[in-house]
């Protein structure tokens, strides 16, 4: 219901009484918006911990004076370890199925 509300005024029709009365011109954009919202949430939840790992590793390398060592070489194993430890594939698949 909340996903159908934003596209409904764009079609210039009154609100439908039953779910079967929802026209395709409202249903398709509502579905697209709900899938995009789910994708952005999953992307944000996956991206933020990896960004934190990158920042911590880059700061630690700079503090130790290792400016020539690429931070990605050090942070990639930590990212993979984090992904495996929190069962990343299971969480992503669960989030996709629930959305």
Protein backbone atom coordinates (compact mmCIF):
# COMPACT_ATOMS: atom_id res chain seq x y z
CA UNK A 1 0.00 0.00 0.00
CA UNK A 2 2.78 2.46 0.82
CA UNK A 3 4.57 1.70 -2.45
CA UNK A 4 1.44 2.24 -4.53
CA UNK A 5 0.66 5.64 -2.97
CA UNK A 6 3.42 7.75 -4.67
CA UNK A 7 2.70 6.74 -8.32
CA UNK A 8 -1.09 6.77 -7.91
CA UNK A 9 -1.64 10.57 -8.22
CA UNK A 10 0.40 10.65 -11.43
CA UNK A 11 -2.24 8.56 -13.23
CA UNK A 12 -5.14 10.90 -12.31
CA UNK A 13 -7.35 8.10 -11.02
CA UNK A 14 -8.96 7.64 -7.63
CA UNK A 15 -7.49 5.17 -5.14
CA UNK A 16 -8.48 1.58 -5.98
CA UNK A 17 -10.87 -0.28 -3.70
CA UNK A 18 -9.22 -3.72 -3.96
CA UNK A 19 -5.73 -4.86 -4.94
CA UNK A 20 -7.13 -6.29 -8.17
CA UNK A 21 -8.31 -2.79 -9.20
CA UNK A 22 -4.78 -1.35 -9.24
CA UNK A 23 -3.88 -0.50 -12.86
CA UNK A 24 -0.60 -1.66 -14.36
CA UNK A 25 0.48 1.97 -14.87
CA UNK A 26 0.55 2.32 -11.07
CA UNK A 27 1.69 -1.21 -10.25
CA UNK A 28 4.84 -1.22 -12.42
CA UNK A 29 6.38 2.01 -11.01
CA UNK A 30 5.42 0.95 -7.48
CA UNK A 31 7.20 -2.37 -7.94
CA UNK A 32 10.24 -0.63 -9.42
CA UNK A 33 10.41 1.83 -6.53
CA UNK A 34 10.15 -0.90 -3.92
CA UNK A 35 12.90 -2.95 -5.59
CA UNK A 36 15.17 0.10 -5.89
CA UNK A 37 14.62 0.95 -2.23
CA UNK A 38 15.55 -2.60 -1.23
CA UNK A 39 18.64 -2.53 -3.44
CA UNK A 40 19.84 0.78 -2.00
CA UNK A 41 19.35 -0.48 1.55
CA UNK A 42 21.29 -3.68 0.82
CA UNK A 43 24.03 -1.70 -0.92
CA UNK A 44 24.32 0.75 1.95
CA UNK A 45 24.44 -1.99 4.59
CA UNK A 46 27.16 -3.83 2.65
CA UNK A 47 29.14 -0.70 1.71
CA UNK A 48 29.43 1.05 5.09
CA UNK A 49 31.39 -1.65 6.98
CA UNK A 50 33.79 -1.99 4.05
CA UNK A 51 34.28 1.77 3.98
CA UNK A 52 35.06 1.75 7.71
CA UNK A 53 37.64 -1.02 7.18
CA UNK A 54 39.25 1.01 4.36
CA UNK A 55 39.45 4.13 6.54
CA UNK A 56 40.92 2.27 9.52
CA UNK A 57 43.52 0.47 7.40
CA UNK A 58 44.50 3.64 5.54
CA UNK A 59 44.84 5.55 8.81
CA UNK A 60 46.91 2.76 10.38
CA UNK A 61 49.22 2.57 7.37
CA UNK A 62 49.70 6.33 7.35
CA UNK A 63 50.41 6.32 11.10
CA UNK A 64 53.10 3.66 10.58
CA UNK A 65 54.62 5.64 7.70
CA UNK A 66 53.84 3.05 5.05
CA UNK A 67 52.73 5.46 2.37
CA UNK A 68 53.89 3.36 -0.57
CA UNK A 69 51.91 0.25 0.44
CA UNK A 70 48.46 0.32 -1.20
CA UNK A 71 45.76 0.13 1.49
CA UNK A 72 43.69 -2.23 -0.67
CA UNK A 73 46.36 -4.93 -0.27
CA UNK A 74 45.91 -4.84 3.49
CA UNK A 75 42.17 -4.17 3.69
CA UNK A 76 40.99 -6.81 1.20
CA UNK A 77 41.74 -9.79 3.49
CA UNK A 78 39.96 -8.02 6.34
CA UNK A 79 36.94 -7.36 4.13
CA UNK A 80 36.79 -10.99 3.03
CA UNK A 81 37.18 -12.16 6.63
CA UNK A 82 34.36 -9.87 7.78
CA UNK A 83 32.10 -11.01 4.94
CA UNK A 84 32.69 -14.67 5.77
CA UNK A 85 32.36 -14.20 9.54
CA UNK A 86 28.97 -12.47 9.33
CA UNK A 87 27.70 -14.95 6.70
CA UNK A 88 27.45 -12.25 4.03
CA UNK A 89 25.89 -14.41 1.32
CA UNK A 90 23.21 -15.63 3.70
CA UNK A 91 22.37 -12.08 4.77
CA UNK A 92 22.21 -10.81 1.19
CA UNK A 93 20.02 -13.68 0.00
CA UNK A 94 17.73 -13.29 3.03
CA UNK A 95 17.39 -9.55 2.38
CA UNK A 96 16.62 -10.16 -1.30
CA UNK A 97 14.01 -12.80 -0.54
CA UNK A 98 12.37 -10.67 2.17
CA UNK A 99 12.10 -7.66 -0.14
